[in-house]
Structure formats: structure tokens, C-alpha cells
Amino acid sequence: MRTDMMIVTGMACGGCTNKLSLALNEVNGVDDVQISLASGEVTVRYDEQRTSPQQLNAVVVSTGFGVKGIAPTSGHDPNPTHSG
């Protein structure tokens, strides 16, 4: 599993975060999505064998938002997923 953080622009309310969260969670391989409306930070944990940062970026843009940047988070995933 890989965890990336991106700065998303254009989110104005809880409805925006819900819309984006639903769209990202529909991507094959996405395990978890955390969104901070205040900072615009979106953290996505996903299986890098099933999706990519480019695909996640495309989903954000197709949902109507912008992406300022995307980067892997430092260190290993502190919440490894269960096997299976």
C-alpha cells in the first residue's frame, strides 16, 4: 500500500469533500481517503498495483477540483491493511 497527499483546490463546503471522497473511493485499489476542507489536504491510501497518482489526479480534476501537488507521505504506512 502507498499513501499520497495532494493539495486540492476549489473545495468550499462539506458537500465538496463528500463528492470528492465518494469519487476517490470508487477508484479500484483505493483503501482510504481523508480530506481536510480547511487545508485542502487530501490523503489517499491505495494499492499502487491497481491505481496510480496520475489516475487519482485525473479523478480529482474530473470531479471539478484542481490539484496543486501530489507527493508520497514520508515513512511507511502506520496503518497497514489486513491481508485478504
Protein backbone atom coordinates (compact mmCIF):
# COMPACT_ATOMS: atom_id res chain seq x y z
CA MET A 1 0.00 0.00 0.00
CA ARG A 2 1.10 3.54 -0.72
CA THR A 3 -0.15 6.76 0.84
CA ASP A 4 -0.03 10.05 -1.06
CA MET A 5 -1.08 13.53 -0.03
CA MET A 6 -2.31 16.11 -2.51
CA ILE A 7 -3.36 19.72 -2.21
CA VAL A 8 -6.79 20.11 -3.79
CA THR A 9 -8.23 23.48 -4.75
CA GLY A 10 -11.83 24.50 -5.23
CA MET A 11 -13.42 22.75 -2.25
CA ALA A 12 -15.79 25.16 -0.50
CA CYS A 13 -18.00 23.06 1.77
CA GLY A 14 -18.73 19.66 3.24
CA GLY A 15 -20.63 18.75 0.10
CA CYS A 16 -17.43 19.22 -1.90
CA THR A 17 -15.46 16.94 0.39
CA ASN A 18 -18.21 14.30 0.29
CA LYS A 19 -18.34 14.44 -3.51
CA LEU A 20 -14.56 14.05 -3.79
CA SER A 21 -14.39 11.32 -1.16
CA LEU A 22 -17.04 9.27 -2.95
CA ALA A 23 -15.29 9.68 -6.31
CA LEU A 24 -11.88 8.66 -4.95
CA ASN A 25 -13.29 5.71 -3.01
CA GLU A 26 -14.76 4.37 -6.27
CA VAL A 27 -11.28 4.05 -7.78
CA ASN A 28 -10.14 0.44 -7.95
CA GLY A 29 -7.41 -0.04 -5.34
CA VAL A 30 -8.23 2.92 -3.08
CA ASP A 31 -8.34 1.78 0.55
CA ASP A 32 -8.83 5.03 2.48
CA VAL A 33 -9.45 8.74 1.82
CA GLN A 34 -9.00 11.52 4.37
CA ILE A 35 -9.90 15.11 3.44
CA SER A 36 -9.29 18.35 5.31
CA LEU A 37 -11.50 21.12 3.96
CA ALA A 38 -9.60 23.79 5.91
CA SER A 39 -6.17 22.96 4.48
CA GLY A 40 -7.23 21.39 1.18
CA GLU A 41 -5.16 18.32 2.00
CA VAL A 42 -6.40 15.02 0.65
CA THR A 43 -4.63 11.87 1.80
CA VAL A 44 -5.27 8.69 -0.16
CA ARG A 45 -4.06 5.19 0.76
CA TYR A 46 -4.12 2.85 -2.22
CA ASP A 47 -2.68 -0.27 -3.83
CA GLU A 48 -0.09 1.01 -6.29
CA GLN A 49 -0.53 -2.17 -8.36
CA ARG A 50 -4.16 -1.21 -9.07
CA THR A 51 -4.04 2.59 -9.44
CA SER A 52 -1.55 5.45 -9.70
CA PRO A 53 -1.09 9.06 -8.62
CA GLN A 54 -1.93 10.11 -12.19
CA GLN A 55 -5.26 8.26 -12.05
CA LEU A 56 -6.09 9.81 -8.67
CA ASN A 57 -5.23 13.25 -10.04
CA ALA A 58 -7.50 12.64 -13.04
CA VAL A 59 -10.40 11.70 -10.75
CA VAL A 60 -9.97 14.89 -8.72
CA VAL A 61 -9.96 17.02 -11.88
CA SER A 62 -12.92 15.18 -13.43
CA THR A 63 -14.86 15.76 -10.20
CA GLY A 64 -14.43 19.51 -10.71
CA PHE A 65 -11.47 20.39 -8.48
CA GLY A 66 -7.85 21.32 -9.06
CA VAL A 67 -4.64 19.71 -7.82
CA LYS A 68 -1.71 21.90 -6.75
CA GLY A 69 0.57 19.00 -5.97
CA ILE A 70 0.78 15.34 -5.02
CA ALA A 71 3.52 13.62 -3.06
CA PRO A 72 4.06 10.39 -1.19
CA THR A 73 3.88 10.76 2.56
CA SER A 74 7.13 10.15 4.41
CA GLY A 75 7.87 6.90 6.16
CA HIS A 76 5.96 3.66 5.99
CA ASP A 77 2.21 3.29 6.29
CA PRO A 78 1.40 3.42 10.02
CA ASN A 79 -1.90 1.64 9.42
CA PRO A 80 -1.14 -1.40 7.28
CA THR A 81 -4.20 -3.08 5.88
CA HIS A 82 -5.28 -6.56 6.77
CA SER A 83 -4.39 -9.31 4.33
CA GLY A 84 -7.20 -10.52 2.14
